[in-house]
Amino acid sequence: MDIRSAQLYLHLASSLNFTKTSEQLYVSPSTLTRIIQRLEEDLGVQLFSRDKRSVRLTPAGVRFVQFVKQYLADWHQLQVDLSLTSDALLGEIRLFCTVTASYSHLPAILDKFRLLCPKAEISLTTGDAALALEKVKNDEADIALAVYPPNLPLNIAFASIAKLPLQLIAPVIPCKVNDLLNEAVPDWDKIPLIVPEHGPARSRLDAWLKHQGITPNIVAKVEGHEAMVSMVALGTGVAIAPDPVVQHSPVRDRVRVLALDYQFAPFDLGICMQSKRLHEPLMRAFWQVASGGPALQQ
């Protein structure tokens, strides 16, 4: 049985209509009939029972459907495996991620990717996490490490790679911020807040403020979590930040985590790209390495 015969059989098993299968797969009815007869002769069983009004699968035909599906799946996987070792894996991938992700999550991905695609080139740009999806949508980056948004665009594929806890942090040094925090009952309406300009961190912070009934005293709006941690360390105010950003910050010893009777929803960190590019060998190879699975999530 060749691949074409398998495809024709599987289509006919689904349509149960010789005319429809012939038209949709561009083969003459007589050729289709000969192929099915040859399969039945090779197997020594009848695959279809047919009369003038209907076509039905026999029990043997139903069983053969499962075999053919696996046969075609194995063939497709072989094509993928072979393509991942071909010259199709040459080229450049434009990556976008935050500074923190560039050394907290990206190195492990690139180590594996380099083994699979040693000739591929990586062009890395870092910036605000809130811009990651826009970079991919606007074709300013091929792949981005991004936080799963409230509404993922239909043309963007996303695969989760890590969950990132969020924390409210304050400075360690003596300052006005700590004077306010150390009161018996802190007045959160007066405590200076450093907030993200936009993005998922801002939406989580706003949800907490609403939950607590706080009218925020915003003293700064900042792009980039790394800059926010630095501003907190200087005693400017309190801010929300992902745990990896705090842990990898050069000023991590100058900030502290505040204990709250509230838990922020963690970030779902993943990789994203335009869905239409999942079939490209180089893009698919990176996706499989990063996500640990086939390029099918969307």
Protein backbone atom coordinates (compact mmCIF):
# COMPACT_ATOMS: atom_id res chain seq x y z
CA MET A 1 0.00 0.00 0.00
CA ASP A 2 1.43 3.39 -0.98
CA ILE A 3 0.67 6.75 0.67
CA ARG A 4 -1.76 7.82 -2.07
CA SER A 5 -3.79 4.62 -1.73
CA ALA A 6 -3.91 5.07 2.04
CA GLN A 7 -5.16 8.66 1.69
CA LEU A 8 -7.83 7.64 -0.80
CA TYR A 9 -9.00 4.78 1.41
CA LEU A 10 -9.21 6.97 4.51
CA HIS A 11 -11.20 9.63 2.65
CA LEU A 12 -13.60 7.07 1.23
CA ALA A 13 -14.03 5.46 4.65
CA SER A 14 -15.15 8.87 5.89
CA SER A 15 -17.28 10.00 2.95
CA LEU A 16 -18.72 6.57 2.05
CA ASN A 17 -19.26 8.06 -1.39
CA PHE A 18 -17.09 7.06 -4.35
CA THR A 19 -18.13 10.08 -6.41
CA LYS A 20 -17.37 12.56 -3.65
CA THR A 21 -13.96 11.05 -2.90
CA SER A 22 -13.10 10.98 -6.60
CA GLU A 23 -13.97 14.65 -7.02
CA GLN A 24 -12.34 15.92 -3.86
CA LEU A 25 -9.09 13.98 -4.26
CA TYR A 26 -8.86 14.45 -8.03
CA VAL A 27 -8.93 10.82 -9.12
CA SER A 28 -11.22 9.13 -11.60
CA PRO A 29 -13.95 6.83 -10.23
CA SER A 30 -12.50 3.87 -12.11
CA THR A 31 -9.03 4.46 -10.64
CA LEU A 32 -10.49 4.75 -7.14
CA THR A 33 -12.41 1.51 -7.62
CA ARG A 34 -9.28 -0.31 -8.81
CA ILE A 35 -7.29 0.92 -5.81
CA ILE A 36 -9.92 -0.27 -3.34
CA GLN A 37 -10.17 -3.63 -5.12
CA ARG A 38 -6.40 -4.02 -4.99
CA LEU A 39 -6.39 -3.31 -1.26
CA GLU A 40 -9.12 -5.88 -0.73
CA GLU A 41 -7.18 -8.43 -2.78
CA ASP A 42 -3.96 -7.79 -0.84
CA LEU A 43 -5.76 -8.17 2.49
CA GLY A 44 -7.99 -11.01 1.40
CA VAL A 45 -11.09 -9.37 2.88
CA GLN A 46 -13.92 -7.10 1.78
CA LEU A 47 -13.46 -3.55 3.12
CA PHE A 48 -16.72 -2.04 1.88
CA SER A 49 -20.18 -3.51 1.36
CA ARG A 50 -21.95 -1.57 -1.36
CA ASP A 51 -25.12 -1.64 -3.40
CA LYS A 52 -26.78 0.82 -5.73
CA ARG A 53 -27.89 3.11 -2.89
CA SER A 54 -25.24 2.96 -0.18
CA VAL A 55 -21.63 2.23 0.77
CA ARG A 56 -20.75 0.88 4.22
CA LEU A 57 -17.59 -0.21 5.96
CA THR A 58 -17.35 -3.87 6.87
CA PRO A 59 -15.91 -4.86 10.29
CA ALA A 60 -12.61 -5.52 8.52
CA GLY A 61 -12.85 -2.09 6.89
CA VAL A 62 -13.35 -0.42 10.28
CA ARG A 63 -10.28 -2.16 11.65
CA PHE A 64 -8.26 -1.22 8.57
CA VAL A 65 -9.18 2.46 9.12
CA GLN A 66 -7.26 2.44 12.40
CA PHE A 67 -4.26 0.84 10.73
CA VAL A 68 -4.26 3.38 7.92
CA LYS A 69 -4.56 6.33 10.33
CA GLN A 70 -1.51 5.12 12.25
CA TYR A 71 0.33 4.41 9.00
CA LEU A 72 -0.23 7.96 7.75
CA ALA A 73 0.62 9.46 11.16
CA ASP A 74 3.91 7.53 11.21
CA TRP A 75 4.65 8.71 7.67
CA HIS A 76 3.98 12.33 8.62
CA GLN A 77 6.19 12.04 11.70
CA LEU A 78 8.97 10.57 9.57
CA GLN A 79 8.70 13.55 7.22
CA VAL A 80 8.95 15.90 10.20
CA ASP A 81 11.94 14.05 11.66
CA LEU A 82 13.77 14.07 8.34
CA SER A 83 13.02 17.74 7.74
CA LEU A 84 14.53 18.56 11.13
CA THR A 85 17.86 17.22 9.93
CA SER A 86 17.79 18.88 6.51
CA ASP A 87 19.07 22.16 5.15
CA ALA A 88 15.60 23.56 5.80
CA LEU A 89 16.85 24.32 9.31
CA LEU A 90 19.11 27.07 8.05
CA GLY A 91 18.14 30.70 8.57
CA GLU A 92 17.50 33.27 11.27
CA ILE A 93 14.95 33.44 14.07
CA ARG A 94 14.16 36.84 15.55
CA LEU A 95 13.41 36.35 19.25
CA PHE A 96 11.85 38.82 21.67
CA CYS A 97 11.72 38.48 25.46
CA THR A 98 12.33 40.40 28.66
CA VAL A 99 15.83 40.87 30.05
CA THR A 100 15.02 38.51 32.91
CA ALA A 101 13.65 35.79 30.59
CA SER A 102 16.82 36.05 28.53
CA TYR A 103 18.74 34.47 31.39
CA SER A 104 16.03 32.74 33.44
CA HIS A 105 14.31 30.63 30.74
CA LEU A 106 15.82 31.27 27.32
CA PRO A 107 19.29 29.70 27.86
CA ALA A 108 17.88 26.20 28.51
CA ILE A 109 15.79 26.46 25.34
CA LEU A 110 18.68 27.70 23.22
CA ASP A 111 21.02 24.98 24.51
CA LYS A 112 18.67 22.31 23.16
CA PHE A 113 17.90 24.24 19.99
CA ARG A 114 21.59 24.60 19.17
CA LEU A 115 22.03 20.84 19.29
CA LEU A 116 19.16 20.35 16.85
CA CYS A 117 19.86 23.34 14.59
CA PRO A 118 23.56 24.24 14.89
CA LYS A 119 23.52 26.36 11.72
CA ALA A 120 20.51 28.49 12.64
CA GLU A 121 21.09 32.11 13.63
CA ILE A 122 19.40 33.79 16.60
CA SER A 123 18.70 37.52 16.72
CA LEU A 124 17.57 38.51 20.22
CA THR A 125 15.78 41.70 21.25
CA THR A 126 14.75 42.41 24.84
CA GLY A 127 12.06 44.72 26.13
CA ASP A 128 8.85 45.11 28.10
CA ALA A 129 6.88 41.87 28.50
CA ALA A 130 3.66 43.71 27.65
CA LEU A 131 4.98 44.32 24.13
CA ALA A 132 5.77 40.68 23.29
CA LEU A 133 2.51 39.77 21.54
CA GLU A 134 2.47 43.00 19.55
CA LYS A 135 6.00 42.30 18.34
CA VAL A 136 4.86 38.96 16.93
CA LYS A 137 1.57 40.29 15.51
CA ASN A 138 3.39 43.13 13.73
CA ASP A 139 6.09 40.79 12.37
CA GLU A 140 8.78 42.60 14.36
CA ALA A 141 9.71 39.24 15.93
CA ASP A 142 9.30 35.65 14.75
CA ILE A 143 8.92 34.17 18.22
CA ALA A 144 8.43 35.78 21.62
CA LEU A 145 8.45 34.64 25.20
CA ALA A 146 5.21 36.14 26.48
CA VAL A 147 2.63 35.96 29.24
CA TYR A 148 -0.67 34.43 28.17
CA PRO A 149 -3.07 37.35 27.64
CA PRO A 150 -6.74 37.59 28.67
CA ASN A 151 -7.68 37.37 24.97
CA LEU A 152 -5.26 35.50 22.73
CA PRO A 153 -5.62 36.59 19.07
CA LEU A 154 -6.89 33.80 16.82
CA ASN A 155 -3.87 34.06 14.54
CA ILE A 156 -1.36 33.58 17.38
CA ALA A 157 -0.24 30.15 18.60
CA PHE A 158 0.83 29.85 22.25
CA ALA A 159 2.54 27.07 24.23
CA SER A 160 3.01 27.34 28.00
CA ILE A 161 6.49 26.71 29.43
CA ALA A 162 6.30 27.96 33.06
CA LYS A 163 4.12 29.43 35.80
CA LEU A 164 5.51 32.61 37.39
CA PRO A 165 4.27 33.69 40.85
CA LEU A 166 3.64 37.41 41.38
CA GLN A 167 4.59 39.31 44.52
CA LEU A 168 4.11 42.74 46.01
CA ILE A 169 7.53 44.09 46.97
CA ALA A 170 8.73 46.96 49.12
CA PRO A 171 12.13 48.53 49.83
CA VAL A 172 14.41 47.38 52.62
CA ILE A 173 16.05 50.75 53.32
CA PRO A 174 14.55 53.19 55.86
CA CYS A 175 12.22 55.50 53.93
CA LYS A 176 8.79 57.09 53.91
CA VAL A 177 7.34 54.00 52.21
CA ASN A 178 8.37 51.77 55.11
CA ASP A 179 7.17 54.32 57.67
CA LEU A 180 3.71 54.02 56.15
CA LEU A 181 3.89 50.21 55.86
CA ASN A 182 5.01 49.85 59.50
CA GLU A 183 1.97 51.61 60.91
CA ALA A 184 -0.34 49.41 63.00
CA VAL A 185 -2.95 49.61 60.25
CA PRO A 186 -1.29 50.74 57.01
CA ASP A 187 -3.32 53.21 54.99
CA TRP A 188 -2.91 51.82 51.48
CA ASP A 189 -4.50 54.92 49.98
CA LYS A 190 -1.35 56.82 51.02
CA ILE A 191 1.34 54.23 50.23
CA PRO A 192 3.21 55.15 47.02
CA LEU A 193 2.68 52.67 44.21
CA ILE A 194 4.87 52.02 41.19
CA VAL A 195 2.67 50.49 38.50
CA PRO A 196 3.17 48.98 35.04
CA GLU A 197 2.03 51.14 32.14
CA HIS A 198 -0.17 48.27 30.90
CA GLY A 199 -0.22 44.52 30.41
CA PRO A 200 -1.15 41.48 32.53
CA ALA A 201 0.73 42.69 35.63
CA ARG A 202 -1.25 45.93 35.60
CA SER A 203 -4.56 44.07 35.29
CA ARG A 204 -3.66 41.84 38.27
CA LEU A 205 -2.63 44.82 40.37
CA ASP A 206 -5.85 46.65 39.48
CA ALA A 207 -7.86 43.57 40.51
CA TRP A 208 -6.15 43.56 43.91
CA LEU A 209 -6.71 47.30 44.42
CA LYS A 210 -10.40 46.87 43.59
CA HIS A 211 -10.66 43.83 45.88
CA GLN A 212 -9.16 45.83 48.76
CA GLY A 213 -11.11 49.00 47.98
CA ILE A 214 -7.87 50.99 47.62
CA THR A 215 -7.69 54.33 45.85
CA PRO A 216 -4.10 54.03 44.60
CA ASN A 217 -1.45 56.66 45.22
CA ILE A 218 0.43 56.15 41.95
CA VAL A 219 3.82 57.87 41.96
CA ALA A 220 5.30 56.28 38.82
CA LYS A 221 4.26 54.34 35.73
CA VAL A 222 7.06 52.16 34.39
CA GLU A 223 7.66 49.92 31.37
CA GLY A 224 9.55 46.76 32.31
CA HIS A 225 9.50 44.81 35.56
CA GLU A 226 13.26 45.06 35.99
CA ALA A 227 13.04 48.86 36.19
CA MET A 228 10.19 48.61 38.67
CA VAL A 229 12.25 46.44 41.03
CA SER A 230 15.09 48.96 40.84
CA MET A 231 12.73 51.83 41.70
CA VAL A 232 11.40 49.90 44.69
CA ALA A 233 14.97 49.27 45.87
CA LEU A 234 15.58 53.02 45.82
CA GLY A 235 12.64 53.58 48.18
CA THR A 236 10.29 55.11 45.59
CA GLY A 237 7.32 52.91 46.39
CA VAL A 238 5.71 49.48 46.36
CA ALA A 239 5.28 47.43 43.17
CA ILE A 240 4.06 44.13 41.80
CA ALA A 241 6.69 41.91 40.16
CA PRO A 242 7.12 38.31 38.91
CA ASP A 243 9.23 36.17 41.24
CA PRO A 244 11.98 35.42 38.64
CA VAL A 245 12.48 39.14 38.06
CA VAL A 246 12.99 39.71 41.78
CA GLN A 247 15.26 36.69 42.22
CA HIS A 248 17.49 37.61 39.25
CA SER A 249 17.62 41.32 39.98
CA PRO A 250 21.03 42.78 40.95
CA VAL A 251 19.20 44.69 43.72
CA ARG A 252 17.22 41.73 45.07
CA ASP A 253 18.82 42.13 48.52
CA ARG A 254 17.37 45.63 48.72
CA VAL A 255 13.72 44.63 48.33
CA ARG A 256 11.39 42.49 50.42
CA VAL A 257 8.19 40.60 49.73
CA LEU A 258 5.09 41.83 51.53
CA ALA A 259 2.82 39.28 53.16
CA LEU A 260 -0.74 39.71 51.91
CA ASP A 261 -4.06 38.00 52.56
CA TYR A 262 -4.41 37.84 48.79
CA GLN A 263 -2.86 35.72 46.07
CA PHE A 264 -2.17 37.17 42.65
CA ALA A 265 -2.92 34.89 39.72
CA PRO A 266 0.46 33.68 38.42
CA PHE A 267 1.74 34.48 34.98
CA ASP A 268 1.50 31.70 32.39
CA LEU A 269 4.78 32.18 30.54
CA GLY A 270 5.06 30.64 27.10
CA ILE A 271 6.26 31.03 23.55
CA CYS A 272 4.12 32.51 20.82
CA MET A 273 4.27 32.95 17.07
CA GLN A 274 1.93 33.53 14.17
CA SER A 275 -0.07 30.34 13.62
CA LYS A 276 0.50 30.39 9.87
CA ARG A 277 4.23 29.92 10.43
CA LEU A 278 4.00 26.69 12.43
CA HIS A 279 4.62 24.65 9.28
CA GLU A 280 8.01 26.27 8.63
CA PRO A 281 10.73 23.72 9.55
CA LEU A 282 12.96 26.13 11.49
CA MET A 283 10.06 27.67 13.40
CA ARG A 284 8.57 24.25 14.10
CA ALA A 285 11.92 22.98 15.39
CA PHE A 286 12.19 25.86 17.88
CA TRP A 287 8.57 25.38 18.94
CA GLN A 288 9.07 21.67 19.61
CA VAL A 289 12.26 22.25 21.59
CA ALA A 290 10.76 25.05 23.69
CA SER A 291 7.34 23.50 24.33
CA GLY A 292 8.43 19.86 24.51
CA GLY A 293 5.72 18.83 22.03
CA PRO A 294 4.44 19.18 18.46
CA ALA A 295 3.48 22.54 17.03
CA LEU A 296 -0.24 22.11 17.46
CA GLN A 297 -1.30 24.33 20.36
CA GLN A 298 -3.20 27.47 19.57
